[in-house]
C-alpha atoms as a PDB file:
ATOM      1  CA  MET A   1     -34.279  49.887 -16.706  1.00  0.00           C
ATOM      2  CA  LEU A   2     -33.431  47.456 -19.432  1.00  0.00           C
ATOM      3  CA  SER A   3     -29.744  47.564 -18.834  1.00  0.00           C
ATOM      4  CA  LYS A   4     -30.251  47.096 -15.165  1.00  0.00           C
ATOM      5  CA  PHE A   5     -32.349  44.182 -15.812  1.00  0.00           C
ATOM      6  CA  TRP A   6     -29.734  42.641 -17.870  1.00  0.00           C
ATOM      7  CA  VAL A   7     -27.034  43.226 -15.517  1.00  0.00           C
ATOM      8  CA  THR A   8     -29.162  41.523 -12.874  1.00  0.00           C
ATOM      9  CA  PHE A   9     -30.240  38.520 -15.096  1.00  0.00           C
ATOM     10  CA  SER A  10     -26.307  38.113 -15.931  1.00  0.00           C
ATOM     11  CA  LEU A  11     -25.284  38.007 -12.297  1.00  0.00           C
ATOM     12  CA  ALA A  12     -27.825  35.497 -11.637  1.00  0.00           C
ATOM     13  CA  ILE A  13     -26.791  33.303 -14.310  1.00  0.00           C
ATOM     14  CA  ALA A  14     -23.244  33.682 -13.211  1.00  0.00           C
ATOM     15  CA  ALA A  15     -24.166  32.781  -9.699  1.00  0.00           C
ATOM     16  CA  LEU A  16     -25.923  29.814 -10.839  1.00  0.00           C
ATOM     17  CA  GLY A  17     -22.852  28.797 -13.013  1.00  0.00           C
ATOM     18  CA  CYS A  18     -20.606  28.992  -9.898  1.00  0.00           C
ATOM     19  CA  HIS A  19     -22.749  26.767  -7.951  1.00  0.00           C
ATOM     20  CA  SER A  20     -23.042  24.152 -10.630  1.00  0.00           C
ATOM     21  CA  THR A  21     -19.398  24.081 -10.850  1.00  0.00           C
ATOM     22  CA  ILE A  22     -19.040  23.735  -7.050  1.00  0.00           C
ATOM     23  CA  ALA A  23     -21.504  20.959  -7.062  1.00  0.00           C
ATOM     24  CA  SER A  24     -19.872  19.092  -9.665  1.00  0.00           C
ATOM     25  CA  ALA A  25     -16.529  19.161  -8.133  1.00  0.00           C
ATOM     26  CA  GLN A  26     -14.693  16.161  -7.280  1.00  0.00           C
ATOM     27  CA  ILE A  27     -14.919  14.842  -3.767  1.00  0.00           C
ATOM     28  CA  THR A  28     -12.206  12.965  -1.832  1.00  0.00           C
ATOM     29  CA  ILE A  29     -13.235  10.757   1.132  1.00  0.00           C
ATOM     30  CA  ARG A  30     -10.630   9.734   3.560  1.00  0.00           C
ATOM     31  CA  SER A  31     -11.363   6.827   5.972  1.00  0.00           C
ATOM     32  CA  THR A  32      -9.858   3.410   6.769  1.00  0.00           C
ATOM     33  CA  GLY A  33     -10.331  -0.136   5.351  1.00  0.00           C
ATOM     34  CA  VAL A  34      -9.175  -3.574   5.437  1.00  0.00           C
ATOM     35  CA  VAL A  35      -7.499  -5.385   2.537  1.00  0.00           C
ATOM     36  CA  THR A  36      -7.208  -9.118   2.083  1.00  0.00           C
ATOM     37  CA  GLY A  37      -5.749 -11.135  -0.772  1.00  0.00           C
ATOM     38  CA  THR A  38      -2.976 -12.688  -2.605  1.00  0.00           C
ATOM     39  CA  VAL A  39      -0.003 -10.556  -3.975  1.00  0.00           C
ATOM     40  CA  VAL A  40       2.178 -11.443  -6.764  1.00  0.00           C
ATOM     41  CA  PRO A  41       4.509  -9.662  -9.009  1.00  0.00           C
ATOM     42  CA  PRO A  42       2.809  -8.780 -12.247  1.00  0.00           C
ATOM     43  CA  SER A  43       3.400 -11.274 -15.221  1.00  0.00           C
ATOM     44  CA  GLN A  44       4.253  -8.170 -17.495  1.00  0.00           C
ATOM     45  CA  ASN A  45       7.458  -6.587 -16.374  1.00  0.00           C
ATOM     46  CA  PRO A  46       7.694  -8.154 -12.918  1.00  0.00           C
ATOM     47  CA  ASN A  47      11.063  -6.619 -12.310  1.00  0.00           C
ATOM     48  CA  PHE A  48      11.859  -4.085  -9.327  1.00  0.00           C
ATOM     49  CA  ASN A  49      11.250  -0.345  -9.779  1.00  0.00           C
ATOM     50  CA  GLN A  50      13.812   2.345  -9.325  1.00  0.00           C
ATOM     51  CA  GLY A  51      12.992   3.463  -5.792  1.00  0.00           C
ATOM     52  CA  THR A  52      15.346   2.440  -3.071  1.00  0.00           C
ATOM     53  CA  THR A  53      14.412   2.105   0.505  1.00  0.00           C
ATOM     54  CA  ARG A  54      17.502   2.593   2.615  1.00  0.00           C
ATOM     55  CA  VAL A  55      17.031   0.954   5.967  1.00  0.00           C
ATOM     56  CA  THR A  56      19.351   1.804   8.924  1.00  0.00           C
ATOM     57  CA  THR A  57      20.491  -1.489  10.743  1.00  0.00           C
ATOM     58  CA  ASP A  58      23.102  -2.451  13.303  1.00  0.00           C
ATOM     59  CA  SER A  59      26.752  -3.383  12.160  1.00  0.00           C
ATOM     60  CA  GLN A  60      25.424  -7.054  11.479  1.00  0.00           C
ATOM     61  CA  GLY A  61      22.599  -5.610   9.099  1.00  0.00           C
ATOM     62  CA  ARG A  62      19.928  -6.476  11.487  1.00  0.00           C
ATOM     63  CA  TYR A  63      16.648  -4.731  11.891  1.00  0.00           C
ATOM     64  CA  PHE A  64      14.361  -5.045  15.141  1.00  0.00           C
ATOM     65  CA  ARG A  65      10.904  -3.914  15.567  1.00  0.00           C
ATOM     66  CA  ASN A  66       9.701  -4.010  19.271  1.00  0.00           C
ATOM     67  CA  GLY A  67      12.490  -6.031  20.363  1.00  0.00           C
ATOM     68  CA  GLN A  68      12.045  -8.910  17.719  1.00  0.00           C
ATOM     69  CA  LEU A  69      14.383  -9.576  14.864  1.00  0.00           C
ATOM     70  CA  VAL A  70      12.564  -8.737  11.382  1.00  0.00           C
ATOM     71  CA  TYR A  71      15.567  -8.860   9.060  1.00  0.00           C
ATOM     72  CA  SER A  72      19.129  -9.982   9.217  1.00  0.00           C
ATOM     73  CA  ALA A  73      21.561  -9.604   6.228  1.00  0.00           C
ATOM     74  CA  GLN A  74      23.583 -12.386   7.799  1.00  0.00           C
ATOM     75  CA  ASP A  75      20.662 -14.960   6.653  1.00  0.00           C
ATOM     76  CA  PHE A  76      21.468 -13.901   2.981  1.00  0.00           C
ATOM     77  CA  ASP A  77      24.725 -12.228   2.402  1.00  0.00           C
ATOM     78  CA  PRO A  78      27.003 -10.269   4.984  1.00  0.00           C
ATOM     79  CA  ASN A  79      28.132  -8.101   1.993  1.00  0.00           C
ATOM     80  CA  LEU A  80      24.795  -6.600   1.687  1.00  0.00           C
ATOM     81  CA  VAL A  81      25.522  -4.292   4.756  1.00  0.00           C
ATOM     82  CA  GLN A  82      27.125  -0.763   3.889  1.00  0.00           C
ATOM     83  CA  VAL A  83      28.228   2.174   5.896  1.00  0.00           C
ATOM     84  CA  ASP A  84      27.300   5.732   4.895  1.00  0.00           C
ATOM     85  CA  SER A  85      29.652   8.949   5.380  1.00  0.00           C
ATOM     86  CA  GLN A  86      28.244   9.301   8.946  1.00  0.00           C
ATOM     87  CA  GLY A  87      29.283   5.877  10.109  1.00  0.00           C
ATOM     88  CA  ARG A  88      25.743   4.476  10.082  1.00  0.00           C
ATOM     89  CA  TYR A  89      25.121   0.852   8.959  1.00  0.00           C
ATOM     90  CA  PHE A  90      22.212   0.245   6.296  1.00  0.00           C
ATOM     91  CA  VAL A  91      20.948  -2.079   3.714  1.00  0.00           C
ATOM     92  CA  ASP A  92      19.353  -0.894   0.371  1.00  0.00           C
ATOM     93  CA  PHE A  93      16.203  -2.464  -0.969  1.00  0.00           C
ATOM     94  CA  ARG A  94      14.415  -1.938  -4.117  1.00  0.00           C
ATOM     95  CA  GLY A  95      10.698  -1.392  -4.438  1.00  0.00           C
ATOM     96  CA  ILE A  96       8.404  -4.065  -6.219  1.00  0.00           C
ATOM     97  CA  PRO A  97       5.340  -3.879  -8.322  1.00  0.00           C
ATOM     98  CA  ILE A  98       2.471  -6.371  -7.217  1.00  0.00           C
ATOM     99  CA  VAL A  99      -1.050  -7.243  -8.467  1.00  0.00           C
ATOM    100  CA  SER A 100      -3.953  -9.415  -6.943  1.00  0.00           C
ATOM    101  CA  THR A 101      -6.537 -11.211  -8.738  1.00  0.00           C
ATOM    102  CA  ASP A 102      -8.342 -12.146  -5.731  1.00  0.00           C
ATOM    103  CA  GLY A 103      -8.273  -8.891  -3.567  1.00  0.00           C
ATOM    104  CA  THR A 104     -10.942  -7.703  -1.301  1.00  0.00           C
ATOM    105  CA  LEU A 105     -11.645  -4.263   0.491  1.00  0.00           C
ATOM    106  CA  THR A 106     -14.056  -3.408   3.132  1.00  0.00           C
ATOM    107  CA  SER A 107     -14.444  -0.055   4.908  1.00  0.00           C
ATOM    108  CA  PRO A 108     -17.066   1.821   6.854  1.00  0.00           C
ATOM    109  CA  VAL A 109     -17.527   4.217   3.796  1.00  0.00           C
ATOM    110  CA  LEU A 110     -17.968   1.550   1.123  1.00  0.00           C
ATOM    111  CA  SER A 111     -20.935  -0.888   0.933  1.00  0.00           C
ATOM    112  CA  ASN A 112     -23.132  -2.935  -1.550  1.00  0.00           C
ATOM    113  CA  GLY A 113     -20.097  -3.480  -3.961  1.00  0.00           C
ATOM    114  CA  GLN A 114     -16.589  -4.831  -4.382  1.00  0.00           C
ATOM    115  CA  LEU A 115     -13.206  -4.344  -6.277  1.00  0.00           C
ATOM    116  CA  GLN A 116     -13.558  -4.474  -9.976  1.00  0.00           C
ATOM    117  CA  PRO A 117     -11.454  -6.698 -11.963  1.00  0.00           C
ATOM    118  CA  ILE A 118      -9.400  -4.584 -14.274  1.00  0.00           C
ATOM    119  CA  ARG A 119      -7.057  -5.803 -17.041  1.00  0.00           C
ATOM    120  CA  ARG A 120      -3.715  -3.821 -16.961  1.00  0.00           C
ATOM    121  CA  ASN A 121      -1.287  -4.663 -19.979  1.00  0.00           C
ATOM    122  CA  HIS A 122      -1.378  -8.149 -20.487  1.00  0.00           C
ATOM    123  CA  ASN A 123      -1.786  -9.202 -16.994  1.00  0.00           C
ATOM    124  CA  ALA A 124      -4.851 -11.445 -15.904  1.00  0.00           C
ATOM    125  CA  PRO A 125      -7.560  -8.990 -14.612  1.00  0.00           C
ATOM    126  CA  THR A 126      -6.686  -7.645 -11.261  1.00  0.00           C
ATOM    127  CA  ARG A 127      -8.876  -6.452  -8.193  1.00  0.00           C
ATOM    128  CA  PHE A 128      -5.907  -4.192  -7.029  1.00  0.00           C
ATOM    129  CA  HIS A 129      -2.465  -3.266  -8.145  1.00  0.00           C
ATOM    130  CA  GLY A 130       0.260  -1.164  -6.281  1.00  0.00           C
ATOM    131  CA  THR A 131       3.918  -1.288  -5.058  1.00  0.00           C
ATOM    132  CA  ILE A 132       5.709  -2.379  -2.181  1.00  0.00           C
ATOM    133  CA  GLN A 133       8.338  -0.024  -0.751  1.00  0.00           C
ATOM    134  CA  ASP A 134       8.252   1.121   2.955  1.00  0.00           C
ATOM    135  CA  GLU A 135       4.829   0.094   2.995  1.00  0.00           C
ATOM    136  CA  LEU A 136       2.240  -1.660   0.670  1.00  0.00           C
ATOM    137  CA  VAL A 137       0.285   0.995  -1.488  1.00  0.00           C
ATOM    138  CA  VAL A 138      -2.844  -0.454  -3.216  1.00  0.00           C
ATOM    139  CA  ARG A 139      -5.037   1.007  -5.917  1.00  0.00           C
ATOM    140  CA  GLY A 140      -8.169   0.082  -7.743  1.00  0.00           C
ATOM    141  CA  ARG A 141     -11.707   0.693  -8.582  1.00  0.00           C
ATOM    142  CA  TYR A 142     -14.491  -0.023  -6.275  1.00  0.00           C
ATOM    143  CA  GLU A 143     -18.232  -0.322  -7.601  1.00  0.00           C
ATOM    144  CA  GLY A 144     -20.818   0.122  -5.174  1.00  0.00           C
ATOM    145  CA  ILE A 145     -22.047   2.784  -2.691  1.00  0.00           C
ATOM    146  CA  ALA A 146     -19.859   5.356  -1.112  1.00  0.00           C
ATOM    147  CA  THR A 147     -21.012   7.243   1.940  1.00  0.00           C
ATOM    148  CA  ASP A 148     -19.260  10.795   2.574  1.00  0.00           C
ATOM    149  CA  PRO A 149     -18.924  10.706   6.443  1.00  0.00           C
ATOM    150  CA  ASN A 150     -18.651  14.678   6.515  1.00  0.00           C
ATOM    151  CA  THR A 151     -22.183  15.119   4.817  1.00  0.00           C
ATOM    152  CA  GLY A 152     -23.842  11.672   5.102  1.00  0.00           C
ATOM    153  CA  LEU A 153     -24.585  11.730   1.412  1.00  0.00           C
ATOM    154  CA  GLN A 154     -24.401   8.573  -0.523  1.00  0.00           C
ATOM    155  CA  TYR A 155     -23.048   8.217  -4.109  1.00  0.00           C
ATOM    156  CA  GLN A 156     -23.374   5.087  -6.249  1.00  0.00           C
ATOM    157  CA  GLY A 157     -21.002   4.218  -9.070  1.00  0.00           C
ATOM    158  CA  VAL A 158     -17.408   3.390  -9.716  1.00  0.00           C
ATOM    159  CA  PHE A 159     -14.688   5.002  -7.592  1.00  0.00           C
ATOM    160  CA  ASP A 160     -11.051   5.163  -7.709  1.00  0.00           C
ATOM    161  CA  ILE A 161      -9.435   3.823  -4.506  1.00  0.00           C
ATOM    162  CA  THR A 162      -6.063   4.087  -2.888  1.00  0.00           C
ATOM    163  CA  GLY A 163      -4.983   2.496   0.364  1.00  0.00           C
ATOM    164  CA  GLN A 164      -1.815   2.666   2.209  1.00  0.00           C
ATOM    165  CA  GLY A 165      -0.658  -0.109   4.676  1.00  0.00           C
ATOM    166  CA  PRO A 166       1.465   0.301   7.668  1.00  0.00           C
ATOM    167  CA  ARG A 167       5.049   1.159   7.211  1.00  0.00           C
ATOM    168  CA  TYR A 168       7.602  -1.500   7.999  1.00  0.00           C
ATOM    169  CA  SER A 169       8.812   0.386  10.910  1.00  0.00           C
ATOM    170  CA  ASP A 170       5.137   0.627  12.468  1.00  0.00           C
ATOM    171  CA  ARG A 171       4.244  -1.514  15.386  1.00  0.00           C
ATOM    172  CA  ASN A 172       2.032  -3.739  13.259  1.00  0.00           C
ATOM    173  CA  GLY A 173       4.221  -3.367  10.119  1.00  0.00           C
ATOM    174  CA  GLY A 174       4.382  -7.084  10.062  1.00  0.00           C
ATOM    175  CA  THR A 175       0.698  -7.312   8.832  1.00  0.00           C
ATOM    176  CA  SER A 176       1.868  -5.557   5.570  1.00  0.00           C
ATOM    177  CA  PRO A 177       4.244  -7.055   3.157  1.00  0.00           C
ATOM    178  CA  THR A 178       7.422  -5.008   2.748  1.00  0.00           C
ATOM    179  CA  VAL A 179      10.701  -4.952   1.189  1.00  0.00           C
ATOM    180  CA  PHE A 180      11.862  -7.400   3.909  1.00  0.00           C
ATOM    181  CA  ASP A 181       9.343 -10.068   2.830  1.00  0.00           C
ATOM    182  CA  PHE A 182      10.108  -9.901  -0.893  1.00  0.00           C
ATOM    183  CA  ARG A 183      13.967  -9.866   0.098  1.00  0.00           C
ATOM    184  CA  SER A 184      14.744  -6.985  -2.579  1.00  0.00           C
ATOM    185  CA  HIS A 185      18.086  -6.131  -0.919  1.00  0.00           C
ATOM    186  CA  TYR A 186      21.025  -5.402  -2.983  1.00  0.00           C
ATOM    187  CA  ASN A 187      24.543  -3.804  -3.097  1.00  0.00           C
ATOM    188  CA  PHE A 188      26.114  -2.907  -6.363  1.00  0.00           C
ATOM    189  CA  SER A 189      29.078  -1.622  -4.466  1.00  0.00           C
ATOM    190  CA  ALA A 190      29.981  -5.217  -3.337  1.00  0.00           C
ATOM    191  CA  ASN A 191      32.561  -7.329  -5.074  1.00  0.00           C
ATOM    192  CA  PRO A 192      30.947  -9.203  -6.789  1.00  0.00           C
ATOM    193  CA  GLN A 193      27.855  -6.998  -7.058  1.00  0.00           C
ATOM    194  CA  ILE A 194      24.551  -8.210  -5.228  1.00  0.00           C
ATOM    195  CA  PRO A 195      21.687  -7.326  -7.805  1.00  0.00           C
ATOM    196  CA  PRO A 196      18.181  -7.078  -6.563  1.00  0.00           C
ATOM    197  CA  ARG A 197      16.091 -10.046  -7.939  1.00  0.00           C
ATOM    198  CA  PRO A 198      12.631 -11.070  -7.076  1.00  0.00           C
ATOM    199  CA  THR A 199      12.939 -14.341  -4.774  1.00  0.00           C
ATOM    200  CA  VAL A 200       9.311 -14.166  -3.555  1.00  0.00           C
ATOM    201  CA  SER A 201       6.525 -15.222  -6.051  1.00  0.00           C
ATOM    202  CA  SER A 202       3.304 -14.895  -3.666  1.00  0.00           C
ATOM    203  CA  PHE A 203       2.393 -13.347  -0.434  1.00  0.00           C
ATOM    204  CA  GLN A 204      -0.861 -13.676   1.624  1.00  0.00           C
ATOM    205  CA  ILE A 205      -2.284 -10.646   3.001  1.00  0.00           C
ATOM    206  CA  THR A 206      -4.651 -11.225   5.915  1.00  0.00           C
ATOM    207  CA  ALA A 207      -6.861  -8.352   6.994  1.00  0.00           C
ATOM    208  CA  MET A 208      -4.133  -5.542   6.359  1.00  0.00           C
ATOM    209  CA  PRO A 209      -5.472  -2.170   7.784  1.00  0.00           C
ATOM    210  CA  VAL A 210      -5.073   0.755   5.339  1.00  0.00           C
ATOM    211  CA  GLN A 211      -5.479   4.390   5.251  1.00  0.00           C
ATOM    212  CA  LEU A 212      -8.176   4.615   2.548  1.00  0.00           C
ATOM    213  CA  ARG A 213      -8.728   7.332   0.062  1.00  0.00           C
ATOM    214  CA  VAL A 214     -12.020   7.297  -2.242  1.00  0.00           C
ATOM    215  CA  ILE A 215     -12.465   9.613  -5.126  1.00  0.00           C
ATOM    216  CA  ILE A 216     -15.988  10.691  -6.026  1.00  0.00           C
ATOM    217  CA  PRO A 217     -15.899  11.645  -9.611  1.00  0.00           C
ATOM    218  CA  ALA A 218     -16.941  15.275 -10.595  1.00  0.00           C
ATOM    219  CA  GLY A 219     -20.482  15.547 -11.676  1.00  0.00           C
ATOM    220  CA  LEU A 220     -21.575  12.463  -9.710  1.00  0.00           C
ATOM    221  CA  ALA A 221     -24.742  13.464  -7.890  1.00  0.00           C
ATOM    222  CA  PRO A 222     -25.833  11.718  -4.512  1.00  0.00           C
ATOM    223  CA  PHE A 223     -28.580   9.292  -4.906  1.00  0.00           C
ATOM    224  CA  SER A 224     -29.915   9.930  -1.523  1.00  0.00           C
ATOM    225  CA  THR A 225     -30.339  13.493  -0.114  1.00  0.00           C
ATOM    226  CA  THR A 226     -31.032  12.081   3.353  1.00  0.00           C
ATOM    227  CA  PRO A 227     -27.749  12.341   5.336  1.00  0.00           C
ATOM    228  CA  THR A 228     -26.603   8.821   6.419  1.00  0.00           C
ATOM    229  CA  PRO A 229     -24.565   8.633   9.831  1.00  0.00           C
ATOM    230  CA  VAL A 230     -21.299   7.264   9.273  1.00  0.00           C
ATOM    231  CA  THR A 231     -18.661   6.451  11.994  1.00  0.00           C
ATOM    232  CA  ASN A 232     -15.411   7.420  10.186  1.00  0.00           C
ATOM    233  CA  PRO A 233     -12.497   5.810  11.986  1.00  0.00           C
ATOM    234  CA  ILE A 234      -9.906   8.092  10.125  1.00  0.00           C
ATOM    235  CA  ASN A 235      -8.503   9.518  13.332  1.00  0.00           C
ATOM    236  CA  ASN A 236      -7.566   6.142  14.760  1.00  0.00           C
ATOM    237  CA  PRO A 237      -4.049   5.514  14.601  1.00  0.00           C
ATOM    238  CA  ILE A 238      -3.304   2.868  12.041  1.00  0.00           C
ATOM    239  CA  SER A 239      -0.640   1.344  14.665  1.00  0.00           C
ATOM    240  CA  ASN A 240      -3.722  -0.209  16.287  1.00  0.00           C
ATOM    241  CA  PRO A 241      -4.342  -3.230  14.031  1.00  0.00           C
ATOM    242  CA  ILE A 242      -7.970  -3.836  12.810  1.00  0.00           C
ATOM    243  CA  SER A 243      -7.006  -7.616  12.820  1.00  0.00           C
ATOM    244  CA  THR A 244      -3.819  -9.632  13.409  1.00  0.00           C
ATOM    245  CA  PRO A 245      -2.954 -12.150  10.525  1.00  0.00           C
ATOM    246  CA  SER A 246      -2.502 -15.766  11.574  1.00  0.00           C
ATOM    247  CA  ALA A 247       1.101 -17.009  11.679  1.00  0.00           C
ATOM    248  CA  SER A 248       0.341 -19.502   8.880  1.00  0.00           C
ATOM    249  CA  SER A 249       0.432 -16.460   6.574  1.00  0.00           C
ATOM    250  CA  THR A 250       3.615 -17.138   4.864  1.00  0.00           C
ATOM    251  CA  ILE A 251       5.093 -16.936   1.536  1.00  0.00           C
ATOM    252  CA  ASP A 252       4.443 -19.655  -1.049  1.00  0.00           C
ATOM    253  CA  SER A 253       5.659 -20.498  -4.651  1.00  0.00           C
ATOM    254  CA  VAL A 254       3.345 -20.264  -7.409  1.00  0.00           C
ATOM    255  CA  PRO A 255       4.075 -22.608 -10.362  1.00  0.00           C
ATOM    256  CA  SER A 256       2.207 -20.550 -12.800  1.00  0.00           C
ATOM    257  CA  LEU A 257       4.859 -17.728 -12.435  1.00  0.00           C
ATOM    258  CA  GLY A 258       7.729 -20.045 -13.177  1.00  0.00           C
ATOM    259  CA  GLY A 259      10.613 -18.607 -15.208  1.00  0.00           C
ATOM    260  CA  MET A 260       9.534 -15.125 -14.055  1.00  0.00           C
ATOM    261  CA  LEU A 261      11.440 -15.298 -10.703  1.00  0.00           C
ATOM    262  CA  SER A 262      14.664 -16.352  -9.356  1.00  0.00           C
ATOM    263  CA  ASN A 263      15.245 -20.069  -8.749  1.00  0.00           C
ATOM    264  CA  ASN A 264      16.826 -19.277  -5.468  1.00  0.00           C
ATOM    265  CA  PRO A 265      15.247 -21.448  -2.714  1.00  0.00           C
ATOM    266  CA  LEU A 266      12.532 -19.630  -0.843  1.00  0.00           C
ATOM    267  CA  GLN A 267      12.762 -19.320   3.033  1.00  0.00           C
ATOM    268  CA  ASP A 268      10.041 -18.938   5.504  1.00  0.00           C
ATOM    269  CA  VAL A 269       9.277 -15.355   6.231  1.00  0.00           C
ATOM    270  CA  SER A 270       7.186 -16.012   9.127  1.00  0.00           C
ATOM    271  CA  ARG A 271      10.109 -17.401  10.933  1.00  0.00           C
ATOM    272  CA  VAL A 272      11.828 -14.045  10.367  1.00  0.00           C
ATOM    273  CA  ILE A 273       8.845 -11.966  11.637  1.00  0.00           C
ATOM    274  CA  LEU A 274       6.804 -13.873  13.915  1.00  0.00           C
ATOM    275  CA  GLU A 275       9.685 -15.904  15.590  1.00  0.00           C
ATOM    276  CA  GLY A 276      12.414 -13.443  15.643  1.00  0.00           C
ATOM    277  CA  SER A 277      14.546 -13.618  18.512  1.00  0.00           C
ATOM    278  CA  LYS A 278      14.636 -10.967  21.353  1.00  0.00           C
ATOM    279  CA  SER A 279      17.614  -8.658  21.209  1.00  0.00           C
ATOM    280  CA  SER A 280      19.447  -7.041  24.105  1.00  0.00           C
ATOM    281  CA  ASP A 281      21.014  -4.385  21.610  1.00  0.00           C
ATOM    282  CA  VAL A 282      19.804  -0.951  21.097  1.00  0.00           C
ATOM    283  CA  GLN A 283      16.591  -1.179  18.797  1.00  0.00           C
ATOM    284  CA  ILE A 284      17.322   0.205  15.361  1.00  0.00           C
ATOM    285  CA  GLY A 285      14.705   2.322  13.737  1.00  0.00           C
ATOM    286  CA  PRO A 286      12.197   3.533  12.647  1.00  0.00           C
ATOM    287  CA  ARG A 287      14.438   5.573  10.410  1.00  0.00           C
ATOM    288  CA  SER A 288      14.461   4.951   6.825  1.00  0.00           C
ATOM    289  CA  ARG A 289      15.098   6.842   3.602  1.00  0.00           C
ATOM    290  CA  ILE A 290      13.645   6.616   0.060  1.00  0.00           C
ATOM    291  CA  LEU A 291      16.123   7.018  -2.678  1.00  0.00           C
ATOM    292  CA  LEU A 292      15.052   7.546  -6.227  1.00  0.00           C
ATOM    293  CA  ARG A 293      17.747   6.261  -8.751  1.00  0.00           C
END
């Protein structure tokens, strides 16, 4: 009888332990959000990363989105255009790290809080940081309340967040800064070589839609056991913009970043993206290849 009691007691303890492990597991909330703010290269190591986005273009190095000219190598250097072994024309772009000191994030699953300023390396405290490649990816920490749309349970604390903007080839790709906007094109095979160099010092994001991921840390218990209804638009296609930025969202120079960026004169990117001429050619895209070197 005693051994049977201890067996039963041990099984009960084990069951409780298993339940505790499940209850304290990390939770990932997937939803959508809207990001606004000014993005600049970081003051510490502002150089391009080693990721290359290879954009398929026409023979002139032009890329069109929805019949509008988004990028043309002819505006910069015709030698940027290269041809692969299959006879396809392309232009290579390098990715770039970015930070934002004034960034904001809104989402139906986040409330009563804001992005927290975090000091990374020797940079000024940033609201979010990330990289620009095919699209803008932002990361940060949100302090406030997160609601799990699957259960309706609410959690209060600090949450790691990741937001992914539309790709440059998406219909509303122009609402997100891309390699086109930061002109990170290069061609090491050209003679003379065309190296990638940052020529843009600031970009204003206005209501950029993102696919959002919020991490509820393991061990954080919900502060409300009463489920709260949440309309989670995660299934809405991100190609439907939440808000369209105004045509005044242009690239500006930032004097405080002097010496960090190239002295090449800036051009108005809004002219390229928002006033691109119609093309009767076959539209190029949305193909691209990200190469790691």
